[in-house]
Amino acid sequence: MVAHLVRLKLTLLRNGLRRSPWQVVGLVVGAVYGLGALALVVGSMAVLSVQEPDIRGLVVVLVGSVLVLGWWVVPLVAFGLDSTIDPARFVTFGIPRRSLLTGLALSGLIGIPGVLSAGSALAMAGVWWRTPAALVVGVVCSVIGLATCVIGARATTSAASTLVASRRFREVMAGVAVLPFIVVGPILGRLSDSSAFTVRTVEQIAEVVSWTPLGAAWAVPGDVADGQWSTAAARFGIAVATLLVVVVVWDRAFAHALVNPAHEKVSTRGHGLGWFDRLPATPLGAVTARCLTYWARDPRYALAVAIVPVLAIVFYVVSPDGGLVLLIGPIAGYLMGWGISADVAYDGTAFWTHVAAPLHGTVDRLGRVLAAGSIAVPAVVVLSVGSALVTGQPEVVPALLGLSIGVLLTALGGSSVLSALVVYPVQLPGENPFQTKQGASMATVLSQFAGWLAVMVLSLPEIVLAVLAVRGGSVALGWAALVVGIVLGSVLLALGVRIGGRALDRTGPDLLRKIVAFA
């Protein structure tokens, strides 16, 4: 049965390649990248093998720990990445669970990630070739570490199968998956420039990790090479215990999943009408309530809000005492104000209700602005004041508020016009909010560039006043920037709502036709 499951995985992989030539191209490209990465790892380990044992142990522990962590975490955020052998498909078959678990574990090694991980594990064992005892132990521990990777991945996904089946969980994890790529680079750059980030710090990190389930298996050969047999035995015990734990967790979770297949729960309990209960029963109230619901529950809108605190953290890490932190308020104003530029496209085919109502374009524009502004204005005020206080410059608060609010109001006005003129394919509800729809690239780039340029040009008065106030330390210019930002931004917002409303009255049916064509 184990061999049959492995052959099944190979057959599914082969048939998938026959289905489309683009899948063959994707496999070839992935294989080239994988072989390149494997060659880099093997070459690095070959160079490392002639270094001192302490250096070898340090690098192997850190690389091995990252490998284990990646196997355990990536399947949770990259759901659906490999569903060729889905355990749920075996619910109706009377296969012994032990055979099924073994076959699924071995099938997990079939593919580019599995081959790359297996080659890397063996390369890390080969680092100890100059010490025969450490080499033998290294091979055994690499097998344990590789098994911990694969079985741990199955254990985490099986244990979280109920959560993964939830659309809300998938939407949240899709957003979480991109955060490390935003934060890690600036943090590492900041740490590399810090005098506190020394080789000793790395050694301490490796020492701590070597006593955890992530790095214990990879640290044992180094202890053997140093003659520390008691420490090696203790860490080997941690590695074996970790493997046993993930096996038991997978076995229990898998047994539960076979009897209770994961499915998305649908609540039958009434929750009222939400914002529709709280706002007036008028066309403007209805549009505002619907948009507030989207801002609270739709991840496509939530990204415009979630990215703001992430950027604030990144700016503070990169430049805690510099002017970069002061930019978070205006940037947040632009991002949150421009967040409604694709509102009509995000409505999808449901936009027909606005066209058929009929709903006046000005009411539509104003309702969307009120919903976005109710979230954006408090956030921009808090970030502007907070950035000034964090950098120890409370005197620049009026200037930052004027600039940030002016940019926000101008961006809301520009979005009101643009979304009434241009629609392009966007992610559908429930899809990954980071994916790009085919045919959207050129329209997206042109509209975003035009919007950014327009907002910058129209916001020049408050930009100039705010820059002069901050650099010159002029409180009077700061208050002037606040007045100009609020007044000019309000005028531009009113014009944007009026112009966008008239444009929507004219272009509404044509926009709906394009949206239906996209679907």
Protein backbone atom coordinates (compact mmCIF):
# COMPACT_ATOMS: atom_id res chain seq x y z
CA MET A 1 0.00 0.00 0.00
CA VAL A 2 2.86 2.40 0.76
CA ALA A 3 4.45 1.73 -2.61
CA HIS A 4 1.05 2.13 -4.27
CA LEU A 5 0.57 5.57 -2.72
CA VAL A 6 4.01 6.67 -3.88
CA ARG A 7 3.25 5.44 -7.40
CA LEU A 8 -0.06 7.29 -7.23
CA LYS A 9 1.73 10.54 -6.41
CA LEU A 10 4.10 10.02 -9.36
CA THR A 11 1.18 9.20 -11.67
CA LEU A 12 -0.73 12.30 -10.62
CA LEU A 13 2.36 14.40 -11.16
CA ARG A 14 2.93 12.93 -14.62
CA ASN A 15 -0.72 13.34 -15.66
CA GLY A 16 -0.70 16.92 -14.44
CA LEU A 17 2.21 17.68 -16.74
CA ARG A 18 0.35 16.18 -19.68
CA ARG A 19 -2.65 18.41 -19.07
CA SER A 20 -0.96 21.66 -20.05
CA PRO A 21 2.39 22.59 -21.61
CA TRP A 22 2.56 25.58 -19.24
CA GLN A 23 2.70 23.19 -16.30
CA VAL A 24 5.73 21.58 -17.92
CA VAL A 25 7.30 25.00 -18.30
CA GLY A 26 6.53 25.79 -14.67
CA LEU A 27 8.06 22.51 -13.52
CA VAL A 28 11.18 23.09 -15.60
CA VAL A 29 11.59 26.62 -14.25
CA GLY A 30 11.00 25.41 -10.71
CA ALA A 31 13.45 22.56 -11.21
CA VAL A 32 16.11 24.93 -12.50
CA TYR A 33 15.67 27.23 -9.51
CA GLY A 34 15.61 24.23 -7.18
CA LEU A 35 18.77 22.73 -8.62
CA GLY A 36 20.45 26.11 -8.45
CA ALA A 37 19.50 26.47 -4.80
CA LEU A 38 20.64 22.91 -4.09
CA ALA A 39 23.95 23.53 -5.83
CA LEU A 40 24.41 26.66 -3.74
CA VAL A 41 23.71 24.75 -0.52
CA VAL A 42 26.00 21.85 -1.45
CA GLY A 43 28.79 24.22 -2.50
CA SER A 44 28.42 26.23 0.70
CA MET A 45 28.51 23.09 2.81
CA ALA A 46 31.63 21.90 0.96
CA VAL A 47 33.40 25.15 1.80
CA LEU A 48 32.07 24.98 5.34
CA SER A 49 33.39 21.46 5.84
CA VAL A 50 37.00 22.71 6.02
CA GLN A 51 36.20 25.31 8.68
CA GLU A 52 36.42 24.91 12.45
CA PRO A 53 33.84 22.61 14.11
CA ASP A 54 32.26 25.52 15.98
CA ILE A 55 31.59 27.40 12.73
CA ARG A 56 30.26 24.26 11.07
CA GLY A 57 27.88 23.58 13.94
CA LEU A 58 26.69 27.20 14.02
CA VAL A 59 25.77 27.30 10.34
CA VAL A 60 24.23 23.82 10.22
CA VAL A 61 21.99 24.53 13.22
CA LEU A 62 20.72 27.82 11.79
CA VAL A 63 20.14 26.45 8.27
CA GLY A 64 18.50 23.28 9.56
CA SER A 65 16.23 25.24 11.90
CA VAL A 66 15.06 27.47 9.06
CA LEU A 67 14.39 24.35 6.98
CA VAL A 68 12.22 22.78 9.69
CA LEU A 69 10.38 26.04 10.37
CA GLY A 70 9.68 26.50 6.67
CA TRP A 71 8.17 23.04 6.33
CA TRP A 72 5.97 23.55 9.37
CA VAL A 73 4.73 27.05 8.57
CA VAL A 74 4.62 27.47 4.78
CA PRO A 75 1.82 24.90 4.19
CA LEU A 76 -0.40 26.89 6.57
CA VAL A 77 -0.01 30.16 4.65
CA ALA A 78 0.28 28.59 1.17
CA PHE A 79 -2.85 26.47 1.45
CA GLY A 80 -3.60 24.38 -1.62
CA LEU A 81 0.08 24.40 -2.64
CA ASP A 82 0.15 20.60 -3.03
CA SER A 83 -3.21 18.88 -3.07
CA THR A 84 -2.28 15.97 -5.38
CA ILE A 85 -2.47 13.58 -2.42
CA ASP A 86 -5.28 15.04 -0.36
CA PRO A 87 -5.96 12.90 2.76
CA ALA A 88 -9.66 13.73 2.48
CA ARG A 89 -9.79 11.67 -0.73
CA PHE A 90 -9.07 8.48 1.22
CA VAL A 91 -12.00 8.80 3.63
CA THR A 92 -14.09 6.16 1.85
CA PHE A 93 -11.28 3.60 1.51
CA GLY A 94 -10.51 0.98 4.12
CA ILE A 95 -6.75 1.56 4.12
CA PRO A 96 -4.89 0.81 7.37
CA ARG A 97 -4.00 4.13 8.91
CA ARG A 98 -0.36 3.21 9.52
CA SER A 99 0.17 2.34 5.86
CA LEU A 100 -1.68 5.46 4.79
CA LEU A 101 0.43 7.69 7.03
CA THR A 102 3.68 6.13 5.82
CA GLY A 103 2.68 6.43 2.18
CA LEU A 104 1.60 10.05 2.54
CA ALA A 105 4.82 10.91 4.38
CA LEU A 106 7.01 9.41 1.65
CA SER A 107 4.91 11.02 -1.07
CA GLY A 108 5.65 14.37 0.57
CA LEU A 109 9.27 13.99 -0.54
CA ILE A 110 8.24 13.68 -4.18
CA GLY A 111 8.54 17.10 -5.74
CA ILE A 112 10.95 20.00 -5.90
CA PRO A 113 10.69 21.01 -2.21
CA GLY A 114 11.18 17.42 -1.06
CA VAL A 115 14.18 16.75 -3.28
CA LEU A 116 15.75 20.09 -2.38
CA SER A 117 15.26 19.44 1.34
CA ALA A 118 16.61 15.89 1.14
CA GLY A 119 19.70 17.03 -0.77
CA SER A 120 20.28 19.89 1.67
CA ALA A 121 19.94 17.56 4.68
CA LEU A 122 22.52 15.15 3.25
CA ALA A 123 24.83 18.05 2.41
CA MET A 124 24.61 19.27 6.00
CA ALA A 125 25.52 15.77 7.18
CA GLY A 126 28.48 15.69 4.79
CA VAL A 127 29.95 18.74 6.52
CA TRP A 128 31.30 16.36 9.18
CA TRP A 129 33.25 14.06 6.82
CA ARG A 130 36.50 14.87 8.59
CA THR A 131 35.16 13.24 11.78
CA PRO A 132 33.82 9.73 10.99
CA ALA A 133 31.74 9.40 14.16
CA ALA A 134 30.15 12.82 13.61
CA LEU A 135 29.50 11.90 9.96
CA VAL A 136 27.60 8.74 10.90
CA VAL A 137 25.62 10.58 13.56
CA GLY A 138 25.06 13.44 11.10
CA VAL A 139 23.48 11.12 8.53
CA VAL A 140 21.16 9.63 11.15
CA CYS A 141 20.21 13.06 12.51
CA SER A 142 19.65 14.42 9.01
CA VAL A 143 17.17 11.62 8.36
CA ILE A 144 15.45 12.46 11.64
CA GLY A 145 15.46 16.15 10.79
CA LEU A 146 14.06 15.51 7.30
CA ALA A 147 11.34 13.26 8.72
CA THR A 148 10.54 15.97 11.26
CA CYS A 149 10.17 18.45 8.39
CA VAL A 150 7.82 16.33 6.29
CA ILE A 151 5.75 14.78 9.08
CA GLY A 152 5.64 18.09 10.95
CA ALA A 153 4.21 19.74 7.84
CA ARG A 154 1.53 17.05 7.63
CA ALA A 155 0.84 17.38 11.35
CA THR A 156 0.35 21.15 11.26
CA THR A 157 -1.91 21.05 8.21
CA SER A 158 -3.96 18.13 9.58
CA ALA A 159 -4.31 19.72 13.00
CA ALA A 160 -5.38 23.01 11.38
CA SER A 161 -7.57 21.40 8.71
CA THR A 162 -10.73 22.81 10.25
CA LEU A 163 -9.24 26.31 10.28
CA VAL A 164 -7.85 25.99 6.75
CA ALA A 165 -11.33 25.08 5.53
CA SER A 166 -12.55 28.44 6.81
CA ARG A 167 -12.59 31.22 4.24
CA ARG A 168 -11.82 33.81 6.94
CA PHE A 169 -8.69 31.90 8.00
CA ARG A 170 -7.47 31.69 4.39
CA GLU A 171 -8.02 35.40 3.91
CA VAL A 172 -6.13 36.27 7.10
CA MET A 173 -3.23 33.93 6.33
CA ALA A 174 -2.95 35.31 2.79
CA GLY A 175 -2.30 38.70 4.35
CA VAL A 176 0.00 37.34 7.04
CA ALA A 177 2.13 35.50 4.48
CA VAL A 178 3.45 38.72 2.95
CA LEU A 179 4.30 40.48 6.21
CA PRO A 180 7.67 38.75 6.78
CA PHE A 181 8.85 39.85 3.34
CA ILE A 182 8.02 43.46 4.23
CA VAL A 183 9.50 43.50 7.73
CA VAL A 184 12.48 41.12 7.65
CA GLY A 185 14.61 43.08 5.18
CA PRO A 186 14.58 46.43 7.02
CA ILE A 187 14.99 44.72 10.40
CA LEU A 188 18.01 42.72 9.23
CA GLY A 189 19.48 45.83 7.65
CA ARG A 190 19.03 47.73 10.89
CA LEU A 191 20.53 44.92 12.94
CA SER A 192 23.51 44.54 10.61
CA ASP A 193 24.33 48.21 11.17
CA SER A 194 23.94 47.89 14.91
CA SER A 195 27.01 47.33 17.04
CA ALA A 196 24.96 45.00 19.23
CA PHE A 197 24.49 42.56 16.35
CA THR A 198 27.80 40.69 16.52
CA VAL A 199 29.05 37.17 15.91
CA ARG A 200 28.47 36.51 19.59
CA THR A 201 24.79 37.37 19.15
CA VAL A 202 24.50 34.84 16.32
CA GLU A 203 26.22 32.22 18.45
CA GLN A 204 23.79 32.84 21.28
CA ILE A 205 20.83 32.52 18.94
CA ALA A 206 22.20 29.23 17.58
CA GLU A 207 22.81 27.94 21.10
CA VAL A 208 19.21 28.63 22.10
CA VAL A 209 17.77 27.17 18.89
CA SER A 210 19.89 24.02 19.27
CA TRP A 211 17.88 23.10 22.38
CA THR A 212 14.53 23.51 20.61
CA PRO A 213 12.66 21.06 18.36
CA LEU A 214 13.77 23.14 15.37
CA GLY A 215 17.53 22.76 15.79
CA ALA A 216 18.21 19.87 18.17
CA ALA A 217 18.74 17.24 15.47
CA TRP A 218 21.17 19.43 13.55
CA ALA A 219 23.27 20.24 16.62
CA VAL A 220 24.03 16.62 17.63
CA PRO A 221 26.89 16.00 15.11
CA GLY A 222 28.68 19.14 16.28
CA ASP A 223 28.56 17.92 19.87
CA VAL A 224 29.97 14.55 18.78
CA ALA A 225 32.77 16.27 16.90
CA ASP A 226 33.62 18.25 20.05
CA GLY A 227 33.49 15.13 22.20
CA GLN A 228 30.51 16.39 24.23
CA TRP A 229 28.68 13.07 24.34
CA SER A 230 26.31 13.93 27.19
CA THR A 231 25.12 17.09 25.43
CA ALA A 232 24.80 15.15 22.17
CA ALA A 233 22.68 12.51 23.91
CA ALA A 234 20.41 15.15 25.43
CA ARG A 235 19.85 16.91 22.11
CA PHE A 236 19.38 13.59 20.33
CA GLY A 237 16.68 12.81 22.85
CA ILE A 238 14.97 16.13 22.07
CA ALA A 239 15.15 15.37 18.34
CA VAL A 240 13.68 11.88 18.71
CA ALA A 241 11.00 13.13 21.10
CA THR A 242 10.07 15.88 18.62
CA LEU A 243 9.69 13.35 15.83
CA LEU A 244 7.54 11.11 18.02
CA VAL A 245 5.35 14.05 19.05
CA VAL A 246 4.70 15.19 15.47
CA VAL A 247 3.95 11.58 14.48
CA VAL A 248 1.40 11.26 17.29
CA VAL A 249 -0.11 14.66 16.51
CA TRP A 250 -0.43 13.77 12.84
CA ASP A 251 -1.89 10.35 13.65
CA ARG A 252 -4.52 11.78 15.99
CA ALA A 253 -5.38 14.73 13.73
CA PHE A 254 -5.51 12.49 10.67
CA ALA A 255 -7.78 9.98 12.40
CA HIS A 256 -10.11 12.81 13.41
CA ALA A 257 -10.06 14.29 9.89
CA LEU A 258 -10.98 10.93 8.33
CA VAL A 259 -14.06 10.64 10.52
CA ASN A 260 -14.91 14.35 10.49
CA PRO A 261 -13.89 15.78 7.09
CA ALA A 262 -13.14 19.49 7.20
CA HIS A 263 -15.77 21.76 5.72
CA GLU A 264 -16.56 25.42 5.94
CA LYS A 265 -19.16 26.09 8.57
CA VAL A 266 -22.16 28.19 7.67
CA SER A 267 -23.70 30.02 10.58
CA THR A 268 -27.47 29.91 10.76
CA ARG A 269 -27.70 32.28 13.68
CA GLY A 270 -29.03 35.71 12.90
CA HIS A 271 -26.74 38.66 13.52
CA GLY A 272 -29.06 41.49 12.57
CA LEU A 273 -28.39 43.91 9.75
CA GLY A 274 -25.15 45.33 11.12
CA TRP A 275 -24.43 48.84 9.89
CA PHE A 276 -27.77 48.92 8.06
CA ASP A 277 -29.45 48.93 11.49
CA ARG A 278 -27.31 51.81 12.72
CA LEU A 279 -27.46 54.21 9.77
CA PRO A 280 -30.50 56.02 8.32
CA ALA A 281 -32.67 54.10 5.85
CA THR A 282 -31.80 56.43 2.98
CA PRO A 283 -29.82 55.85 -0.22
CA LEU A 284 -26.80 57.58 1.32
CA GLY A 285 -27.13 55.55 4.51
CA ALA A 286 -27.44 52.30 2.57
CA VAL A 287 -24.32 52.95 0.50
CA THR A 288 -22.35 54.00 3.57
CA ALA A 289 -23.49 50.94 5.54
CA ARG A 290 -22.58 48.56 2.73
CA CYS A 291 -19.14 50.12 2.29
CA LEU A 292 -18.45 50.03 6.05
CA THR A 293 -19.31 46.33 5.99
CA TYR A 294 -16.81 45.83 3.17
CA TRP A 295 -14.08 47.73 5.02
CA ALA A 296 -14.64 45.57 8.08
CA ARG A 297 -15.00 42.15 6.42
CA ASP A 298 -13.45 42.21 2.96
CA PRO A 299 -9.68 41.51 3.00
CA ARG A 300 -9.23 43.45 -0.22
CA TYR A 301 -10.16 46.61 1.68
CA ALA A 302 -8.55 45.49 4.92
CA LEU A 303 -5.14 45.37 3.24
CA ALA A 304 -5.19 49.14 2.81
CA VAL A 305 -5.63 49.39 6.58
CA ALA A 306 -3.34 46.52 7.63
CA ILE A 307 -0.37 47.75 5.60
CA VAL A 308 -0.29 51.07 7.46
CA PRO A 309 0.89 49.83 10.89
CA VAL A 310 3.35 47.51 9.16
CA LEU A 311 4.86 50.47 7.31
CA ALA A 312 4.99 52.42 10.58
CA ILE A 313 7.02 49.63 12.19
CA VAL A 314 9.34 49.37 9.19
CA PHE A 315 9.94 53.12 9.11
CA TYR A 316 10.68 53.20 12.81
CA VAL A 317 13.11 50.28 12.57
CA VAL A 318 14.92 51.82 9.61
CA SER A 319 15.00 55.38 10.94
CA PRO A 320 13.77 55.75 14.55
CA ASP A 321 15.12 59.30 14.87
CA GLY A 322 14.95 60.43 11.24
CA GLY A 323 12.41 62.12 9.04
CA LEU A 324 11.25 58.85 7.53
CA VAL A 325 8.96 58.22 10.49
CA LEU A 326 7.24 61.56 9.91
CA LEU A 327 6.12 60.38 6.47
CA ILE A 328 3.86 57.64 7.80
CA GLY A 329 0.93 60.05 8.26
CA PRO A 330 0.88 61.39 4.67
CA ILE A 331 1.55 57.92 3.24
CA ALA A 332 -1.31 56.47 5.29
CA GLY A 333 -3.53 59.27 4.06
CA TYR A 334 -2.76 58.46 0.45
CA LEU A 335 -3.09 54.68 0.83
CA MET A 336 -6.38 54.80 2.69
CA GLY A 337 -7.77 57.59 0.54
CA TRP A 338 -6.81 55.87 -2.68
CA GLY A 339 -8.20 52.58 -1.34
CA ILE A 340 -11.61 53.30 -2.89
CA SER A 341 -10.20 53.87 -6.39
CA ALA A 342 -11.26 50.33 -7.32
CA ASP A 343 -14.54 50.38 -5.41
CA VAL A 344 -16.76 49.81 -8.44
CA ALA A 345 -14.50 46.99 -9.65
CA TYR A 346 -14.60 45.38 -6.19
CA ASP A 347 -18.41 45.53 -6.25
CA GLY A 348 -18.31 43.10 -9.16
CA THR A 349 -21.58 42.17 -10.77
CA ALA A 350 -23.37 43.38 -7.61
CA PHE A 351 -22.87 46.87 -9.02
CA TRP A 352 -26.03 46.23 -11.03
CA THR A 353 -28.05 47.18 -7.93
CA HIS A 354 -26.59 50.70 -8.08
CA VAL A 355 -27.39 50.98 -11.78
CA ALA A 356 -30.91 49.55 -11.50
CA ALA A 357 -31.98 51.43 -8.34
CA PRO A 358 -31.37 54.04 -9.88
CA LEU A 359 -28.93 55.64 -7.50
CA HIS A 360 -27.62 59.13 -8.14
CA GLY A 361 -23.89 59.10 -8.76
CA THR A 362 -23.21 61.83 -6.21
CA VAL A 363 -24.90 59.79 -3.48
CA ASP A 364 -22.86 56.75 -4.47
CA ARG A 365 -19.61 58.71 -4.36
CA LEU A 366 -20.41 60.42 -1.07
CA GLY A 367 -21.44 57.19 0.66
CA ARG A 368 -18.16 55.51 -0.26
CA VAL A 369 -16.19 58.55 0.90
CA LEU A 370 -17.99 58.67 4.26
CA ALA A 371 -17.29 54.99 4.90
CA ALA A 372 -13.61 55.27 4.02
CA GLY A 373 -13.20 58.58 5.84
CA SER A 374 -14.71 57.27 9.08
CA ILE A 375 -11.80 54.82 9.27
CA ALA A 376 -9.07 56.85 7.60
CA VAL A 377 -9.42 60.18 9.43
CA PRO A 378 -8.88 58.78 12.97
CA ALA A 379 -6.02 56.57 11.74
CA VAL A 380 -4.27 59.45 9.97
CA VAL A 381 -4.63 61.76 12.96
CA VAL A 382 -3.24 59.15 15.36
CA LEU A 383 -0.31 58.29 13.08
CA SER A 384 0.56 61.93 12.41
CA VAL A 385 0.51 62.94 16.07
CA GLY A 386 2.21 59.73 17.12
CA SER A 387 5.05 60.06 14.62
CA ALA A 388 5.75 63.61 15.83
CA LEU A 389 5.79 62.54 19.47
CA VAL A 390 7.92 59.44 18.83
CA THR A 391 10.57 61.51 17.07
CA GLY A 392 10.47 64.13 19.83
CA GLN A 393 9.12 66.93 17.62
CA PRO A 394 5.68 67.89 18.99
CA GLU A 395 5.94 71.29 17.35
CA VAL A 396 5.47 69.74 13.89
CA VAL A 397 2.06 68.22 14.73
CA PRO A 398 0.04 70.98 12.94
CA ALA A 399 2.17 70.68 9.80
CA LEU A 400 1.89 66.88 9.72
CA LEU A 401 -1.85 67.00 10.34
CA GLY A 402 -2.34 69.54 7.56
CA LEU A 403 -0.29 67.52 5.10
CA SER A 404 -1.79 64.15 6.03
CA ILE A 405 -5.42 65.31 6.08
CA GLY A 406 -4.92 67.30 2.88
CA VAL A 407 -3.47 64.26 1.07
CA LEU A 408 -6.25 62.04 2.44
CA LEU A 409 -9.06 64.35 1.31
CA THR A 410 -7.42 64.89 -2.08
CA ALA A 411 -6.94 61.15 -2.58
CA LEU A 412 -10.58 60.50 -1.68
CA GLY A 413 -11.67 63.09 -4.24
CA GLY A 414 -9.40 61.65 -6.91
CA SER A 415 -10.58 58.12 -6.17
CA SER A 416 -14.18 59.25 -6.53
CA VAL A 417 -13.46 60.43 -10.06
CA LEU A 418 -11.21 57.57 -11.17
CA SER A 419 -13.47 54.73 -9.99
CA ALA A 420 -16.31 56.26 -12.00
CA LEU A 421 -14.23 56.19 -15.18
CA VAL A 422 -12.03 53.08 -15.02
CA VAL A 423 -12.63 49.48 -14.01
CA TYR A 424 -10.26 46.56 -14.43
CA PRO A 425 -10.20 42.91 -13.36
CA VAL A 426 -9.68 42.56 -9.62
CA GLN A 427 -9.57 39.69 -7.16
CA LEU A 428 -12.96 38.14 -6.50
CA PRO A 429 -14.26 37.77 -2.93
CA GLY A 430 -12.49 34.86 -1.26
CA GLU A 431 -9.49 34.90 -3.60
CA ASN A 432 -5.95 35.66 -2.49
CA PRO A 433 -5.87 39.47 -2.20
CA PHE A 434 -2.26 39.51 -3.44
CA GLN A 435 -2.79 37.73 -6.74
CA THR A 436 -2.92 39.70 -9.97
CA LYS A 437 -5.77 39.10 -12.37
CA GLN A 438 -4.95 38.56 -16.02
CA GLY A 439 -5.48 41.70 -18.08
CA ALA A 440 -5.28 44.02 -15.09
CA SER A 441 -1.61 44.96 -15.18
CA MET A 442 -1.55 47.82 -17.71
CA ALA A 443 -4.81 49.41 -16.53
CA THR A 444 -3.70 49.13 -12.92
CA VAL A 445 -0.27 50.65 -13.51
CA LEU A 446 -1.58 53.54 -15.61
CA SER A 447 -4.44 54.40 -13.25
CA GLN A 448 -2.28 54.17 -10.14
CA PHE A 449 0.47 56.29 -11.68
CA ALA A 450 -2.02 58.89 -12.90
CA GLY A 451 -3.69 58.97 -9.49
CA TRP A 452 -0.42 59.30 -7.61
CA LEU A 453 0.70 62.12 -9.91
CA ALA A 454 -2.63 63.94 -9.63
CA VAL A 455 -2.71 63.72 -5.84
CA MET A 456 0.89 64.94 -5.61
CA VAL A 457 0.26 67.93 -7.88
CA LEU A 458 -3.01 68.92 -6.21
CA SER A 459 -1.45 68.57 -2.74
CA LEU A 460 1.59 70.72 -3.52
CA PRO A 461 0.45 73.76 -1.47
CA GLU A 462 0.25 71.85 1.83
CA ILE A 463 3.32 69.79 0.92
CA VAL A 464 5.43 72.90 0.44
CA LEU A 465 4.12 74.56 3.62
CA ALA A 466 4.61 71.39 5.69
CA VAL A 467 8.16 70.84 4.44
CA LEU A 468 9.11 74.46 5.18
CA ALA A 469 7.50 74.25 8.61
CA VAL A 470 9.28 71.03 9.59
CA ARG A 471 12.68 72.01 8.26
CA GLY A 472 12.56 75.58 9.46
CA GLY A 473 10.88 74.85 12.77
CA SER A 474 8.19 77.44 12.03
CA VAL A 475 5.03 76.92 14.07
CA ALA A 476 3.19 79.59 12.06
CA LEU A 477 3.85 77.78 8.79
CA GLY A 478 2.70 74.56 10.44
CA TRP A 479 -0.66 76.07 11.31
CA ALA A 480 -0.87 77.52 7.80
CA ALA A 481 -0.28 74.03 6.40
CA LEU A 482 -3.08 72.70 8.62
CA VAL A 483 -5.55 75.34 7.42
CA VAL A 484 -4.57 74.98 3.77
CA GLY A 485 -4.66 71.17 3.95
CA ILE A 486 -8.13 71.04 5.45
CA VAL A 487 -9.65 73.80 3.28
CA LEU A 488 -8.03 72.86 -0.02
CA GLY A 489 -8.54 69.14 0.61
CA SER A 490 -12.22 69.70 1.40
CA VAL A 491 -12.72 71.72 -1.79
CA LEU A 492 -10.99 69.06 -3.90
CA LEU A 493 -13.01 66.33 -2.20
CA ALA A 494 -16.28 68.13 -2.90
CA LEU A 495 -15.27 68.64 -6.54
CA GLY A 496 -14.22 65.00 -6.83
CA VAL A 497 -17.52 63.75 -5.43
CA ARG A 498 -19.53 66.02 -7.73
CA ILE A 499 -17.47 65.30 -10.87
CA GLY A 500 -17.28 61.59 -10.10
CA GLY A 501 -21.02 61.45 -9.41
CA ARG A 502 -21.87 63.03 -12.75
CA ALA A 503 -19.44 60.74 -14.51
CA LEU A 504 -20.96 57.69 -12.82
CA ASP A 505 -24.46 58.69 -13.93
CA ARG A 506 -23.13 58.66 -17.46
CA THR A 507 -20.77 55.66 -17.37
CA GLY A 508 -22.59 53.35 -14.92
CA PRO A 509 -24.14 50.98 -17.51
CA ASP A 510 -20.89 50.79 -19.48
CA LEU A 511 -18.91 50.03 -16.30
CA LEU A 512 -21.36 47.25 -15.46
CA ARG A 513 -20.98 45.78 -18.95
CA LYS A 514 -17.20 45.67 -18.54
CA ILE A 515 -17.46 44.10 -15.08
CA VAL A 516 -19.75 41.36 -16.40
CA ALA A 517 -17.26 40.74 -19.22
CA PHE A 518 -14.44 40.36 -16.67
CA ALA A 519 -16.45 37.79 -14.72
